[in-house]
Amino acid sequence: MMPKGYISFIFHAHLPYVRHPEHQQSLEEKWFFEALTECYIPMLRVFHEMADDNIDFAITFSLSPTLLAMMEDPFMQERYTAYLAGLQQLARKEEKRTAGDSRFAPLTQMYRERLDYAAYLFNEKYGRRLVNAFRDLQDIGKVELITAAATHGYLPLLAVQKEAAYAQLVTGIDNYRRIFGKTPRGIWLPECAYDPVLEEMLGELGLQYFITATHGVLYASPRPKYGVYSPILTPGGLAAFGRDPETSHQVWSAKEGYPGDYVYREFYRDIGYDLELDYIGEHLHPAYLRGNTGFKYYSITGPDNHKEVYNRQHALQKAREHAANFKFNREKQVEYYGGVMDRPPLLVAPYDAELFGHWWFEGPQWVDSLCRLLHGQNNLEMITPGQYLDRGYTLQLSTPNISSWGDKGYHEVWLNDKNDWLYRHLHHAAERMTALATAHPQAEGVQEEALTQLGRELLLAQSSDWPFIMTAGTMDRYAKARLGKHLERFMALEQQIRENNVDVPWLRAISATDNLFPHLDYRIFQSMESTVPVENKYEDLAGIR
């Protein structure tokens, strides 16, 4: 029987490339370790347990190339193993400290069991290769994996040089092919940022679909007949799936959505801040620097500072209730829109994966409960964008509107008075990269190594994470330092190439430090035009703030 409606869950997993072998412990690497422990491993556990129980579910998961590079890096795998072992040690120490306390002892036991199981999954079951765990889910038809741009560059702003945007796209696709052995059907455009200038490039790369913000489809031209409840076909031949605002708000909103419920665990109360530094200091990362440990013993409770002890069973029951409520509301949605459409309406529900487990501790259990409730139901069928396209519905030809899923819906988060200065440097560097790649189409040996690293430094500088962090004002010194480091390396290396005087030991040292995309081909930056003036100079980058 044809379902009354479809729902497509899309989880976007991305972190900036953070790899610092020069430090024994890196605060930035902890972003990656926390995401593994609190989000990716719990979500994989939920997916595999549902598969083992023969639950019929369909999830789309976007894994950014920088995240995949860190997952596949033996150095980062080794560091994560040590990080996880340290948390296991802390868990046992906490069990001793809270022994006999009826409020806290069950929570310390919960954390110890979770960490032990995470260590088993990572080290033994998955052999430190989480990528294989995702691949297995794709092979059995439960998860559809899609790619993203190379370093999550904000494509509409980079496309001042089309070669720069093209290199971001083609690198992401090539990276996916090398890891998963096939061409991705879809792509997550970084920050869901779309501009029609991307159409020609997207249409040439063998992709079938991408995701947009709600207004990217609602304000498309001509206006879509079905709004966001059916994808549109863009001039480049891709399907654009627009985010359903009701579905999004109910999960995203910390105040009005599920994650803000007072029964759920409080994110901002952690023993890394609560306990004496003499006791907790050696277990912090970096050591003796106050920060989150993941051991959080209180519930949200209310809007003020008073917090009650977290009750795991009550929180899990609330997650089941919220899953049932979500299912009920979505069924009412498709019932309403189905009455005015000639096809089952599609609800597209894209989320940052890190919400589930990291920010919203009970998020993976909510996903589990929801999928089990939807299993075998005809009112609402889970479906991936690729599976939806396979159903053969006729799509309306329309050009999406310029848009993003950032605050206010356009480019302001990534282009404002806190970060606008960086783009002139990115654009000048991209011009130089294109000029050199075009002038040296057959480079070999050291020259090829240098041009490849030049492209790698440019890609790393283009990450959308740096302007985002500057806007947010969190870790903005780190973002500026990373941007400056990659552009300074670019500037020095570009001059060495131009003068045919490459510092080989230095080149190989920085290549070993930032070793992502080992198969990067610098020629992807070659000009899309017939000629490029090689001798154009760019502004001095030494004045980077």
Protein backbone atom coordinates (compact mmCIF):
# COMPACT_ATOMS: atom_id res chain seq x y z
CA MET A 1 0.00 0.00 0.00
CA MET A 2 1.15 3.54 -0.70
CA PRO A 3 1.85 5.36 2.58
CA LYS A 4 -0.08 8.48 3.54
CA GLY A 5 3.20 10.35 3.82
CA TYR A 6 6.98 10.07 4.04
CA ILE A 7 9.55 11.40 6.47
CA SER A 8 13.23 11.76 5.66
CA PHE A 9 15.64 12.09 8.58
CA ILE A 10 18.99 13.57 7.56
CA PHE A 11 21.79 13.83 10.09
CA HIS A 12 24.73 16.04 9.15
CA ALA A 13 27.95 15.10 10.94
CA HIS A 14 30.78 17.59 10.60
CA LEU A 15 33.71 18.94 12.56
CA PRO A 16 36.58 21.14 11.39
CA TYR A 17 39.88 19.41 10.79
CA VAL A 18 41.61 19.56 14.17
CA ARG A 19 44.86 17.64 14.39
CA HIS A 20 47.65 18.91 16.61
CA PRO A 21 50.54 16.43 16.98
CA GLU A 22 52.69 19.30 18.23
CA HIS A 23 50.72 19.22 21.53
CA GLN A 24 50.47 16.29 23.93
CA GLN A 25 46.83 17.22 24.58
CA SER A 26 44.76 19.57 22.44
CA LEU A 27 41.59 21.29 23.55
CA GLU A 28 40.43 21.41 19.92
CA GLU A 29 40.96 17.69 19.37
CA LYS A 30 38.61 17.21 22.30
CA TRP A 31 35.77 18.47 20.06
CA PHE A 32 36.29 15.36 17.98
CA PHE A 33 36.67 13.02 20.95
CA GLU A 34 33.49 14.32 22.60
CA ALA A 35 31.53 13.90 19.38
CA LEU A 36 32.73 10.31 19.02
CA THR A 37 31.89 9.42 22.62
CA GLU A 38 28.62 11.27 23.01
CA CYS A 39 27.13 11.29 19.51
CA TYR A 40 28.56 9.10 16.74
CA ILE A 41 29.15 5.94 18.77
CA PRO A 42 25.77 6.15 20.59
CA MET A 43 24.00 6.74 17.27
CA LEU A 44 25.82 3.83 15.63
CA ARG A 45 24.88 1.66 18.58
CA VAL A 46 21.21 2.60 18.17
CA PHE A 47 21.29 1.94 14.42
CA HIS A 48 22.98 -1.44 14.73
CA GLU A 49 20.70 -2.57 17.56
CA MET A 50 17.65 -1.65 15.49
CA ALA A 51 19.10 -3.54 12.53
CA ASP A 52 19.69 -6.57 14.77
CA ASP A 53 16.04 -6.35 15.87
CA ASN A 54 14.89 -6.22 12.22
CA ILE A 55 13.41 -2.76 12.64
CA ASP A 56 12.59 -1.25 9.26
CA PHE A 57 14.19 2.20 9.29
CA ALA A 58 15.80 4.51 6.75
CA ILE A 59 18.22 7.25 7.78
CA THR A 60 20.41 9.59 5.73
CA PHE A 61 23.78 10.45 7.25
CA SER A 62 26.12 13.08 5.87
CA LEU A 63 29.75 12.57 6.88
CA SER A 64 31.94 15.55 6.05
CA PRO A 65 35.33 14.82 4.46
CA THR A 66 37.23 16.44 7.35
CA LEU A 67 35.36 14.26 9.84
CA LEU A 68 36.07 11.15 7.79
CA ALA A 69 39.75 12.10 7.59
CA MET A 70 39.96 12.29 11.39
CA MET A 71 38.04 9.02 11.81
CA GLU A 72 40.44 7.24 9.45
CA ASP A 73 43.65 8.76 10.83
CA PRO A 74 45.64 6.20 12.93
CA PHE A 75 47.15 9.07 14.93
CA MET A 76 43.70 10.36 15.93
CA GLN A 77 42.48 6.81 16.59
CA GLU A 78 45.38 6.29 19.00
CA ARG A 79 44.75 9.59 20.73
CA TYR A 80 41.04 8.84 21.08
CA THR A 81 41.79 5.43 22.59
CA ALA A 82 43.91 7.12 25.25
CA TYR A 83 41.23 9.78 25.83
CA LEU A 84 38.54 7.12 26.26
CA ALA A 85 40.73 5.11 28.63
CA GLY A 86 41.16 8.23 30.74
CA LEU A 87 37.40 8.66 30.99
CA GLN A 88 37.02 5.02 31.98
CA GLN A 89 39.53 5.60 34.75
CA LEU A 90 37.58 8.66 35.92
CA ALA A 91 34.34 6.65 35.88
CA ARG A 92 35.79 4.07 38.26
CA LYS A 93 37.13 6.83 40.49
CA GLU A 94 33.67 8.42 40.54
CA GLU A 95 32.06 5.08 41.42
CA LYS A 96 34.23 4.91 44.51
CA ARG A 97 33.51 8.53 45.44
CA THR A 98 29.73 8.14 45.17
CA ALA A 99 29.46 4.59 46.55
CA GLY A 100 26.48 4.33 48.88
CA ASP A 101 24.89 7.58 47.65
CA SER A 102 21.47 6.61 46.29
CA ARG A 103 21.26 9.79 44.19
CA PHE A 104 24.60 9.70 42.40
CA ALA A 105 25.80 6.10 42.49
CA PRO A 106 23.35 4.95 39.76
CA LEU A 107 24.56 7.78 37.52
CA THR A 108 28.24 6.99 37.96
CA GLN A 109 27.46 3.36 37.17
CA MET A 110 25.60 4.46 34.04
CA TYR A 111 28.55 6.50 32.82
CA ARG A 112 31.00 3.70 33.55
CA GLU A 113 28.87 1.18 31.62
CA ARG A 114 28.44 3.58 28.69
CA LEU A 115 32.15 4.27 28.47
CA ASP A 116 33.08 0.60 28.76
CA TYR A 117 30.66 -0.23 25.96
CA ALA A 118 31.96 2.66 23.82
CA ALA A 119 35.50 1.34 24.29
CA TYR A 120 34.36 -2.16 23.29
CA LEU A 121 32.60 -0.89 20.16
CA PHE A 122 35.45 1.36 19.08
CA ASN A 123 38.43 -0.86 19.86
CA GLU A 124 37.05 -4.36 19.41
CA LYS A 125 33.85 -4.51 17.39
CA TYR A 126 34.76 -1.75 14.92
CA GLY A 127 38.54 -2.14 15.13
CA ARG A 128 38.83 1.66 15.53
CA ARG A 129 37.26 2.03 12.05
CA LEU A 130 33.93 3.77 12.61
CA VAL A 131 33.77 4.31 8.87
CA ASN A 132 33.28 0.55 8.47
CA ALA A 133 30.35 0.66 10.88
CA PHE A 134 28.65 3.30 8.73
CA ARG A 135 29.50 1.38 5.55
CA ASP A 136 27.89 -1.77 6.95
CA LEU A 137 24.67 0.13 7.62
CA GLN A 138 24.68 1.46 4.07
CA ASP A 139 25.32 -2.01 2.65
CA ILE A 140 22.24 -3.45 4.39
CA GLY A 141 20.08 -0.58 3.15
CA LYS A 142 19.38 1.09 6.50
CA VAL A 143 21.50 4.23 6.10
CA GLU A 144 22.15 6.32 3.00
CA LEU A 145 25.53 8.04 3.27
CA ILE A 146 26.12 11.32 1.48
CA THR A 147 29.08 13.63 1.21
CA ALA A 148 29.81 17.32 1.77
CA ALA A 149 32.29 19.87 0.44
CA ALA A 150 35.95 19.19 1.20
CA THR A 151 36.49 21.39 4.27
CA HIS A 152 32.91 22.64 4.60
CA GLY A 153 33.67 25.83 2.69
CA TYR A 154 30.81 28.31 2.46
CA LEU A 155 30.31 27.86 -1.27
CA PRO A 156 28.22 30.92 -2.27
CA LEU A 157 30.92 33.24 -0.88
CA LEU A 158 33.83 31.21 -2.25
CA ALA A 159 32.27 31.06 -5.73
CA VAL A 160 33.63 34.50 -6.56
CA GLN A 161 36.27 32.17 -8.00
CA LYS A 162 34.28 29.28 -9.42
CA GLU A 163 37.43 27.16 -9.40
CA ALA A 164 37.54 27.42 -5.58
CA ALA A 165 33.96 26.22 -5.15
CA TYR A 166 34.50 23.48 -7.74
CA ALA A 167 37.59 22.22 -5.91
CA GLN A 168 35.63 22.05 -2.64
CA LEU A 169 32.90 19.99 -4.32
CA VAL A 170 35.02 17.63 -6.37
CA THR A 171 37.38 16.91 -3.46
CA GLY A 172 34.45 15.96 -1.25
CA ILE A 173 33.05 13.63 -3.89
CA ASP A 174 36.42 12.05 -4.68
CA ASN A 175 37.07 11.50 -0.97
CA TYR A 176 33.72 9.71 -0.63
CA ARG A 177 34.45 7.49 -3.64
CA ARG A 178 37.82 6.44 -2.26
CA ILE A 179 36.40 5.56 1.16
CA PHE A 180 33.06 3.99 0.21
CA GLY A 181 33.80 2.71 -3.29
CA LYS A 182 30.90 4.43 -5.01
CA THR A 183 29.68 7.85 -6.10
CA PRO A 184 27.45 9.56 -3.53
CA ARG A 185 23.89 10.18 -4.62
CA GLY A 186 23.56 13.34 -2.58
CA ILE A 187 25.58 16.13 -1.04
CA TRP A 188 25.13 18.27 2.02
CA LEU A 189 25.95 21.79 0.86
CA PRO A 190 27.79 23.33 3.83
CA GLU A 191 25.35 25.25 6.05
CA CYS A 192 22.67 24.35 3.46
CA ALA A 193 24.00 27.41 1.63
CA TYR A 194 22.76 27.61 -1.94
CA ASP A 195 23.28 30.06 -4.77
CA PRO A 196 22.30 29.49 -8.44
CA VAL A 197 25.94 30.08 -9.37
CA LEU A 198 26.58 26.53 -8.12
CA GLU A 199 24.14 24.93 -10.57
CA GLU A 200 26.53 24.24 -13.43
CA MET A 201 29.13 22.68 -11.14
CA LEU A 202 26.63 20.52 -9.26
CA GLY A 203 25.10 19.28 -12.49
CA GLU A 204 28.48 18.07 -13.82
CA LEU A 205 29.49 16.00 -10.82
CA GLY A 206 27.08 13.09 -10.98
CA LEU A 207 25.05 14.10 -7.92
CA GLN A 208 21.31 13.60 -7.70
CA TYR A 209 20.19 15.78 -4.79
CA PHE A 210 21.01 18.26 -2.04
CA ILE A 211 19.23 19.77 0.97
CA THR A 212 18.16 23.41 1.33
CA ALA A 213 16.71 25.62 4.02
CA THR A 214 12.92 25.98 3.98
CA HIS A 215 12.87 29.29 2.13
CA GLY A 216 15.36 27.99 -0.42
CA VAL A 217 12.48 25.97 -1.87
CA LEU A 218 9.51 28.09 -0.78
CA TYR A 219 10.90 31.16 -2.58
CA ALA A 220 12.11 29.23 -5.62
CA SER A 221 11.30 30.52 -9.09
CA PRO A 222 8.73 29.61 -10.27
CA ARG A 223 7.05 29.03 -6.92
CA PRO A 224 6.78 25.30 -6.18
CA LYS A 225 3.29 23.87 -6.35
CA TYR A 226 3.84 21.62 -3.33
CA GLY A 227 5.99 23.93 -1.21
CA VAL A 228 8.61 21.94 0.73
CA TYR A 229 6.49 18.77 0.74
CA SER A 230 7.98 17.54 -2.52
CA PRO A 231 11.47 18.24 -3.88
CA ILE A 232 11.97 20.47 -6.89
CA LEU A 233 14.20 19.82 -9.91
CA THR A 234 16.89 22.48 -10.36
CA PRO A 235 18.23 23.68 -13.74
CA GLY A 236 21.36 21.60 -13.11
CA GLY A 237 19.27 18.44 -12.93
CA LEU A 238 19.45 17.86 -9.17
CA ALA A 239 16.56 17.49 -6.76
CA ALA A 240 16.45 20.11 -3.99
CA PHE A 241 14.82 18.90 -0.78
CA GLY A 242 13.55 21.73 1.44
CA ARG A 243 13.51 21.47 5.24
CA ASP A 244 10.09 21.16 6.89
CA PRO A 245 9.90 24.01 9.45
CA GLU A 246 7.46 22.32 11.84
CA THR A 247 9.53 19.16 12.08
CA SER A 248 12.67 21.20 12.62
CA HIS A 249 11.38 23.52 15.33
CA GLN A 250 10.00 20.74 17.47
CA VAL A 251 13.42 19.15 17.79
CA TRP A 252 15.84 22.07 17.38
CA SER A 253 14.41 24.61 19.79
CA ALA A 254 16.05 24.44 23.22
CA LYS A 255 13.18 26.40 24.77
CA GLU A 256 10.10 25.18 22.95
CA GLY A 257 11.38 21.89 21.54
CA TYR A 258 11.94 18.54 23.19
CA PRO A 259 15.60 19.04 24.27
CA GLY A 260 14.63 21.77 26.73
CA ASP A 261 12.31 19.57 28.78
CA TYR A 262 13.12 19.93 32.48
CA VAL A 263 13.44 16.15 32.96
CA TYR A 264 16.34 15.86 30.52
CA ARG A 265 20.00 16.09 31.51
CA GLU A 266 21.50 19.54 32.02
CA PHE A 267 24.39 20.09 29.61
CA TYR A 268 25.98 23.02 31.42
CA ARG A 269 26.51 21.33 34.79
CA ASP A 270 29.61 19.13 34.76
CA ILE A 271 31.98 17.76 37.40
CA GLY A 272 34.82 19.35 35.45
CA TYR A 273 33.63 22.60 37.01
CA ASP A 274 31.88 21.32 40.15
CA LEU A 275 34.61 19.25 41.81
CA GLU A 276 37.87 20.33 43.41
CA LEU A 277 40.70 20.79 40.94
CA ASP A 278 43.01 18.61 43.04
CA TYR A 279 40.59 15.73 42.51
CA ILE A 280 39.47 16.27 38.92
CA GLY A 281 42.48 18.07 37.41
CA GLU A 282 44.43 15.10 36.06
CA HIS A 283 41.30 13.86 34.28
CA LEU A 284 40.63 17.11 32.43
CA HIS A 285 41.67 17.55 28.81
CA PRO A 286 44.08 19.30 28.72
CA ALA A 287 45.02 18.40 32.29
CA TYR A 288 44.13 20.93 34.98
CA LEU A 289 42.26 23.17 32.53
CA ARG A 290 38.63 23.46 33.64
CA GLY A 291 36.26 21.99 31.06
CA ASN A 292 33.56 19.42 30.43
CA THR A 293 34.23 15.79 31.24
CA GLY A 294 30.84 14.44 30.14
CA PHE A 295 29.97 13.47 33.72
CA LYS A 296 26.83 15.49 34.35
CA TYR A 297 24.60 14.58 37.28
CA TYR A 298 21.75 17.07 37.13
CA SER A 299 18.58 17.63 35.12
CA ILE A 300 17.57 20.89 33.49
CA THR A 301 14.96 21.27 36.28
CA GLY A 302 13.98 24.85 35.41
CA PRO A 303 15.17 28.20 34.07
CA ASP A 304 17.13 29.22 37.19
CA ASN A 305 20.33 27.85 38.74
CA HIS A 306 18.61 25.33 41.01
CA LYS A 307 19.10 21.82 39.60
CA GLU A 308 17.70 18.48 40.74
CA VAL A 309 19.65 15.25 40.44
CA TYR A 310 19.15 13.63 37.04
CA ASN A 311 16.83 10.62 36.91
CA ARG A 312 17.77 8.48 33.92
CA GLN A 313 14.61 6.36 33.93
CA HIS A 314 12.35 9.41 33.99
CA ALA A 315 14.35 10.94 31.14
CA LEU A 316 14.07 7.80 29.01
CA GLN A 317 10.34 7.67 29.62
CA LYS A 318 10.11 11.31 28.53
CA ALA A 319 12.08 10.49 25.36
CA ARG A 320 9.54 7.77 24.54
CA GLU A 321 6.66 10.19 25.14
CA HIS A 322 8.29 12.80 22.93
CA ALA A 323 8.85 10.22 20.19
CA ALA A 324 5.15 9.31 20.32
CA ASN A 325 4.19 13.00 20.25
CA PHE A 326 6.47 13.62 17.27
CA LYS A 327 4.95 10.69 15.41
CA PHE A 328 1.40 11.91 16.14
CA ASN A 329 2.14 15.45 14.93
CA ARG A 330 3.81 14.26 11.75
CA GLU A 331 0.88 11.97 10.96
CA LYS A 332 -1.47 14.92 11.31
CA GLN A 333 0.78 16.93 9.00
CA VAL A 334 0.77 14.38 6.21
CA GLU A 335 -2.97 13.83 6.66
CA TYR A 336 -3.57 17.55 6.14
CA TYR A 337 -1.18 18.12 3.23
CA GLY A 338 -2.09 14.81 1.64
CA GLY A 339 -5.59 16.11 1.16
CA VAL A 340 -4.40 18.78 -1.27
CA MET A 341 -1.60 16.89 -3.07
CA ASP A 342 -1.62 14.22 -5.77
CA ARG A 343 1.18 12.33 -4.01
CA PRO A 344 2.11 11.49 -0.42
CA PRO A 345 3.70 14.57 1.19
CA LEU A 346 7.35 14.32 2.19
CA LEU A 347 8.60 15.80 5.46
CA VAL A 348 12.32 16.55 5.32
CA ALA A 349 13.92 16.63 8.77
CA PRO A 350 17.63 17.62 8.65
CA TYR A 351 19.60 18.06 11.85
CA ASP A 352 23.16 18.51 13.03
CA ALA A 353 24.10 15.04 14.21
CA GLU A 354 25.94 16.45 17.22
CA LEU A 355 22.61 17.55 18.73
CA PHE A 356 21.85 13.90 19.42
CA GLY A 357 23.78 12.68 22.44
CA HIS A 358 26.08 15.67 22.92
CA TRP A 359 23.73 18.61 23.41
CA TRP A 360 20.60 16.49 23.85
CA PHE A 361 21.82 13.54 25.89
CA GLU A 362 18.65 11.52 25.33
CA GLY A 363 18.56 12.25 21.59
CA PRO A 364 19.79 8.81 20.44
CA GLN A 365 17.13 7.12 22.59
CA TRP A 366 14.50 9.43 21.11
CA VAL A 367 15.61 8.35 17.62
CA ASP A 368 15.46 4.70 18.68
CA SER A 369 11.97 5.04 20.15
CA LEU A 370 10.67 6.92 17.12
CA CYS A 371 12.02 4.42 14.60
CA ARG A 372 10.49 1.55 16.54
CA LEU A 373 7.14 3.35 16.68
CA LEU A 374 7.23 3.94 12.91
CA HIS A 375 8.18 0.34 12.15
CA GLY A 376 5.44 -1.36 10.15
CA GLN A 377 3.21 1.74 10.08
CA ASN A 378 1.50 2.85 6.87
CA ASN A 379 0.62 6.36 7.97
CA LEU A 380 4.20 7.58 7.85
CA GLU A 381 7.07 5.82 6.09
CA MET A 382 10.72 6.57 6.71
CA ILE A 383 12.55 7.17 3.46
CA THR A 384 15.87 8.55 2.25
CA PRO A 385 16.03 11.22 -0.48
CA GLY A 386 17.53 8.65 -2.84
CA GLN A 387 14.73 6.19 -2.14
CA TYR A 388 12.17 8.94 -2.69
CA LEU A 389 13.65 9.76 -6.10
CA ASP A 390 13.49 6.07 -6.98
CA ARG A 391 9.69 6.21 -6.53
CA GLY A 392 9.57 8.17 -9.78
CA TYR A 393 7.44 11.17 -8.82
CA THR A 394 7.50 13.95 -11.40
CA LEU A 395 9.37 16.98 -10.04
CA GLN A 396 8.64 20.59 -10.85
CA LEU A 397 11.48 22.47 -12.58
CA SER A 398 12.40 25.48 -10.45
CA THR A 399 15.47 27.44 -9.34
CA PRO A 400 15.95 27.52 -5.56
CA ASN A 401 16.34 30.84 -3.82
CA ILE A 402 19.66 32.01 -2.40
CA SER A 403 19.57 30.75 1.18
CA SER A 404 21.24 29.04 4.14
CA TRP A 405 20.02 27.52 7.38
CA GLY A 406 21.94 30.07 9.44
CA ASP A 407 20.41 32.81 11.55
CA LYS A 408 18.11 35.01 9.41
CA GLY A 409 18.40 32.50 6.60
CA TYR A 410 21.03 33.97 4.31
CA HIS A 411 24.80 34.67 4.52
CA GLU A 412 25.02 37.00 7.51
CA VAL A 413 26.46 34.46 9.96
CA TRP A 414 29.43 33.89 7.62
CA LEU A 415 29.75 37.46 6.33
CA ASN A 416 29.52 40.28 8.87
CA ASP A 417 31.66 42.90 10.57
CA LYS A 418 33.40 40.24 12.68
CA ASN A 419 34.69 38.17 9.77
CA ASP A 420 34.28 40.07 6.49
CA TRP A 421 37.99 40.92 6.38
CA LEU A 422 38.99 37.31 5.74
CA TYR A 423 37.36 36.93 2.32
CA ARG A 424 39.70 39.23 0.41
CA HIS A 425 42.56 37.00 1.55
CA LEU A 426 40.72 33.80 0.58
CA HIS A 427 39.84 35.22 -2.83
CA HIS A 428 43.39 36.39 -3.55
CA ALA A 429 44.80 33.04 -2.49
CA ALA A 430 42.29 31.22 -4.70
CA GLU A 431 43.33 33.40 -7.65
CA ARG A 432 46.97 32.48 -7.10
CA MET A 433 46.15 28.79 -6.72
CA THR A 434 44.27 28.80 -10.00
CA ALA A 435 47.07 30.68 -11.74
CA LEU A 436 49.74 28.23 -10.60
CA ALA A 437 47.66 25.12 -11.25
CA THR A 438 46.93 26.39 -14.76
CA ALA A 439 50.55 27.35 -15.44
CA HIS A 440 51.90 23.95 -14.31
CA PRO A 441 49.57 21.28 -15.69
CA GLN A 442 52.21 18.52 -15.66
CA ALA A 443 54.16 19.14 -12.46
CA GLU A 444 56.21 16.26 -11.09
CA GLY A 445 58.33 15.49 -8.04
CA VAL A 446 58.81 18.24 -5.48
CA GLN A 447 56.92 20.77 -7.59
CA GLU A 448 53.87 18.51 -7.63
CA GLU A 449 54.17 17.93 -3.86
CA ALA A 450 54.33 21.68 -3.30
CA LEU A 451 51.35 22.47 -5.53
CA THR A 452 49.33 19.74 -3.84
CA GLN A 453 50.12 21.13 -0.38
CA LEU A 454 49.30 24.61 -1.64
CA GLY A 455 45.82 23.39 -2.55
CA ARG A 456 45.50 21.64 0.80
CA GLU A 457 46.35 24.82 2.72
CA LEU A 458 43.80 26.78 0.70
CA LEU A 459 41.06 24.23 1.36
CA LEU A 460 41.82 24.29 5.09
CA ALA A 461 41.70 28.09 5.16
CA GLN A 462 38.31 28.06 3.41
CA SER A 463 36.47 26.14 6.15
CA SER A 464 33.14 27.77 7.06
CA ASP A 465 33.89 26.94 10.68
CA TRP A 466 36.35 29.82 11.02
CA PRO A 467 33.94 32.68 10.16
CA PHE A 468 31.19 30.91 12.11
CA ILE A 469 33.33 30.75 15.26
CA MET A 470 34.29 34.40 14.83
CA THR A 471 30.64 35.38 14.68
CA ALA A 472 29.78 33.28 17.72
CA GLY A 473 32.69 34.73 19.69
CA THR A 474 33.67 31.33 21.06
CA MET A 475 37.24 30.22 20.46
CA ASP A 476 37.56 33.07 17.97
CA ARG A 477 41.27 33.43 18.71
CA TYR A 478 41.75 29.83 17.65
CA ALA A 479 39.73 30.37 14.46
CA LYS A 480 41.80 33.42 13.51
CA ALA A 481 45.02 31.57 14.30
CA ARG A 482 44.04 28.61 12.14
CA LEU A 483 43.02 30.81 9.25
CA GLY A 484 46.20 32.83 9.55
CA LYS A 485 48.42 29.75 9.77
CA HIS A 486 47.06 28.22 6.58
CA LEU A 487 47.21 31.48 4.63
CA GLU A 488 50.74 32.23 5.84
CA ARG A 489 51.84 28.76 4.77
CA PHE A 490 50.10 29.30 1.46
CA MET A 491 51.86 32.62 0.92
CA ALA A 492 55.30 31.23 1.75
CA LEU A 493 54.84 28.08 -0.33
CA GLU A 494 53.46 30.02 -3.30
CA GLN A 495 56.55 32.20 -3.33
CA GLN A 496 58.84 29.17 -3.13
CA ILE A 497 57.06 27.55 -6.07
CA ARG A 498 57.25 30.74 -8.09
CA GLU A 499 60.98 31.07 -7.37
CA ASN A 500 61.59 27.33 -7.89
CA ASN A 501 63.17 27.15 -4.45
CA VAL A 502 60.97 24.85 -2.35
CA ASP A 503 62.05 24.19 1.23
CA VAL A 504 61.54 20.43 1.02
CA PRO A 505 61.99 19.50 4.72
CA TRP A 506 59.51 22.23 5.74
CA LEU A 507 57.09 21.20 2.99
CA ARG A 508 57.10 17.58 4.12
CA ALA A 509 56.79 18.59 7.77
CA ILE A 510 53.60 20.59 7.19
CA SER A 511 52.28 17.90 4.84
CA ALA A 512 52.71 15.34 7.62
CA THR A 513 50.96 17.58 10.17
CA ASP A 514 47.93 18.38 8.03
CA ASN A 515 47.73 15.11 6.11
CA LEU A 516 44.11 15.01 4.98
CA PHE A 517 43.21 14.25 1.34
CA PRO A 518 46.38 12.28 0.51
CA HIS A 519 45.15 11.80 -3.06
CA LEU A 520 44.41 15.49 -3.67
CA ASP A 521 45.13 16.52 -7.26
CA TYR A 522 46.11 20.19 -7.48
CA ARG A 523 44.86 20.26 -11.10
CA ILE A 524 41.25 20.55 -9.90
CA PHE A 525 42.04 24.23 -9.27
CA GLN A 526 42.89 24.87 -12.94
CA SER A 527 41.12 27.75 -14.62
CA MET A 528 37.67 27.25 -16.10
CA GLU A 529 38.56 30.01 -18.58
CA SER A 530 40.94 29.82 -21.51
CA THR A 531 43.76 31.85 -19.93
CA VAL A 532 44.72 33.14 -16.49
CA PRO A 533 47.26 35.96 -15.95
CA VAL A 534 49.95 34.19 -13.97
CA GLU A 535 51.80 37.34 -12.87
CA ASN A 536 48.89 39.01 -11.06
CA LYS A 537 49.96 39.88 -7.54
CA TYR A 538 47.80 39.53 -4.46
CA GLU A 539 47.71 41.75 -1.40
CA ASP A 540 50.17 41.16 1.39
CA LEU A 541 48.62 38.65 3.78
CA ALA A 542 50.90 39.56 6.67
CA GLY A 543 48.31 41.96 8.05
CA ILE A 544 45.82 39.23 8.93
CA ARG A 545 44.20 40.18 12.22
